Amino acid sequence: MMAENIFKKIIERRIPAHILYEDESCLAFHDINPQAPVHVLVIPKKEIPTHDQITAEDRELIGHLHLVAAQLARQLNITDGYRIVVNCREKAGQSVPHLHLHLLGGRIFSWPPG
């Protein structure tokens, strides 16, 4: 059973989100605290609390999340440069215990990140 968190509530439509994409396995929506002009979260509907808990059976799902992110980058016209970020656990900045990709674009990014 999925832990009660904001992403579960968005998946279940108990709280609103500006959804850009949805299919049977994932959902993508604008981040409510954007860190770039374009900041979209791509989340699996399957319960996976953090990146280090993915398994071999998740390989197709993880690939699909990246394909959706690439499709959204084209749709949002950020193909001149964007960043995909996956934070793993709190020390790395993960604030919601549900695996998610951050698709960030629309500005120049520096290296190394934070």
Protein backbone atom coordinates (compact mmCIF):
# COMPACT_ATOMS: atom_id res chain seq x y z
CA MET A 1 0.00 0.00 0.00
CA MET A 2 1.36 3.40 -1.01
CA ALA A 3 2.35 5.70 1.83
CA GLU A 4 0.15 8.74 2.30
CA ASN A 5 1.98 11.61 0.58
CA ILE A 6 1.24 14.49 -1.76
CA PHE A 7 1.98 12.45 -4.91
CA LYS A 8 -0.44 9.72 -3.90
CA LYS A 9 -3.08 12.40 -3.36
CA ILE A 10 -2.38 13.84 -6.81
CA ILE A 11 -2.56 10.38 -8.44
CA GLU A 12 -5.89 9.78 -6.70
CA ARG A 13 -7.12 13.29 -7.61
CA ARG A 14 -7.65 14.21 -3.97
CA ILE A 15 -5.65 17.40 -4.50
CA PRO A 16 -5.33 19.36 -7.74
CA ALA A 17 -2.27 19.58 -9.96
CA HIS A 18 -1.59 21.07 -13.38
CA ILE A 19 -1.27 17.72 -15.16
CA LEU A 20 0.55 17.70 -18.49
CA TYR A 21 0.60 13.98 -19.20
CA GLU A 22 -0.96 10.80 -17.89
CA ASP A 23 -1.07 7.16 -18.93
CA GLU A 24 -1.60 3.85 -17.15
CA SER A 25 1.85 3.89 -15.52
CA CYS A 26 2.81 7.52 -14.88
CA LEU A 27 1.73 11.10 -14.37
CA ALA A 28 3.52 14.38 -15.14
CA PHE A 29 2.64 17.76 -13.68
CA HIS A 30 4.09 21.20 -12.97
CA ASP A 31 6.05 21.50 -9.72
CA ILE A 32 4.35 23.86 -7.24
CA ASN A 33 7.77 25.26 -6.23
CA PRO A 34 9.55 25.65 -9.59
CA GLN A 35 13.34 25.89 -9.67
CA ALA A 36 13.41 26.88 -13.35
CA PRO A 37 11.00 28.46 -15.85
CA VAL A 38 9.99 24.90 -16.76
CA HIS A 39 9.85 22.46 -13.83
CA VAL A 40 7.81 19.32 -14.36
CA LEU A 41 7.66 16.22 -12.17
CA VAL A 42 7.30 12.81 -13.82
CA ILE A 43 6.16 10.17 -11.34
CA PRO A 44 5.31 6.49 -11.60
CA LYS A 45 1.89 5.41 -10.37
CA LYS A 46 3.58 2.36 -8.89
CA GLU A 47 4.76 2.77 -5.32
CA ILE A 48 8.54 3.16 -5.37
CA PRO A 49 9.65 5.28 -2.40
CA THR A 50 13.14 6.15 -3.65
CA HIS A 51 15.58 5.48 -6.47
CA ASP A 52 17.58 2.88 -4.56
CA GLN A 53 14.44 0.76 -4.29
CA ILE A 54 13.97 0.18 -8.01
CA THR A 55 14.35 -3.42 -9.11
CA ALA A 56 15.03 -5.27 -12.35
CA GLU A 57 11.27 -5.59 -12.86
CA ASP A 58 11.07 -1.75 -12.95
CA ARG A 59 13.44 -1.34 -15.91
CA GLU A 60 10.66 -0.79 -18.45
CA LEU A 61 8.86 1.66 -16.15
CA ILE A 62 12.03 3.66 -15.48
CA GLY A 63 12.76 3.83 -19.20
CA HIS A 64 9.19 4.93 -19.83
CA LEU A 65 9.54 7.80 -17.33
CA HIS A 66 12.56 9.04 -19.28
CA LEU A 67 10.74 8.73 -22.61
CA VAL A 68 7.86 10.77 -21.19
CA ALA A 69 10.32 13.41 -19.93
CA ALA A 70 11.91 13.66 -23.40
CA GLN A 71 8.47 13.95 -25.01
CA LEU A 72 7.53 16.72 -22.57
CA ALA A 73 10.82 18.55 -23.23
CA ARG A 74 9.90 18.66 -26.93
CA GLN A 75 6.31 19.68 -26.15
CA LEU A 76 7.50 22.46 -23.81
CA ASN A 77 10.15 23.65 -26.29
CA ILE A 78 13.18 23.20 -24.02
CA THR A 79 15.18 20.94 -26.33
CA ASP A 80 18.02 23.49 -26.49
CA GLY A 81 18.99 22.26 -23.03
CA TYR A 82 17.31 20.72 -20.04
CA ARG A 83 18.20 18.76 -16.94
CA ILE A 84 16.64 15.64 -15.45
CA VAL A 85 17.24 15.24 -11.73
CA VAL A 86 16.46 12.28 -9.48
CA ASN A 87 17.10 12.88 -5.79
CA CYS A 88 17.58 9.77 -3.65
CA ARG A 89 16.70 10.17 0.02
CA GLU A 90 16.58 13.27 2.22
CA LYS A 91 20.34 14.00 2.28
CA ALA A 92 20.19 14.37 -1.51
CA GLY A 93 17.13 16.63 -1.38
CA GLN A 94 14.28 14.14 -1.82
CA SER A 95 11.35 15.68 0.04
CA VAL A 96 8.54 13.33 -1.05
CA PRO A 97 9.02 9.58 -0.49
CA HIS A 98 7.88 8.64 -4.00
CA LEU A 99 10.33 8.25 -6.89
CA HIS A 100 10.13 11.18 -9.30
CA LEU A 101 12.05 12.82 -12.11
CA HIS A 102 12.46 16.59 -12.16
CA LEU A 103 12.45 17.93 -15.73
CA LEU A 104 14.02 21.39 -15.57
CA GLY A 105 14.56 23.82 -18.44
CA GLY A 106 14.22 27.34 -19.73
CA ARG A 107 17.41 28.68 -18.16
CA ILE A 108 21.15 28.04 -18.10
CA PHE A 109 22.29 25.53 -15.47
CA SER A 110 25.66 25.56 -13.75
CA TRP A 111 27.87 22.62 -12.83
CA PRO A 112 28.28 21.14 -10.33
CA PRO A 113 24.72 21.40 -9.06
CA GLY A 114 24.05 22.26 -5.39
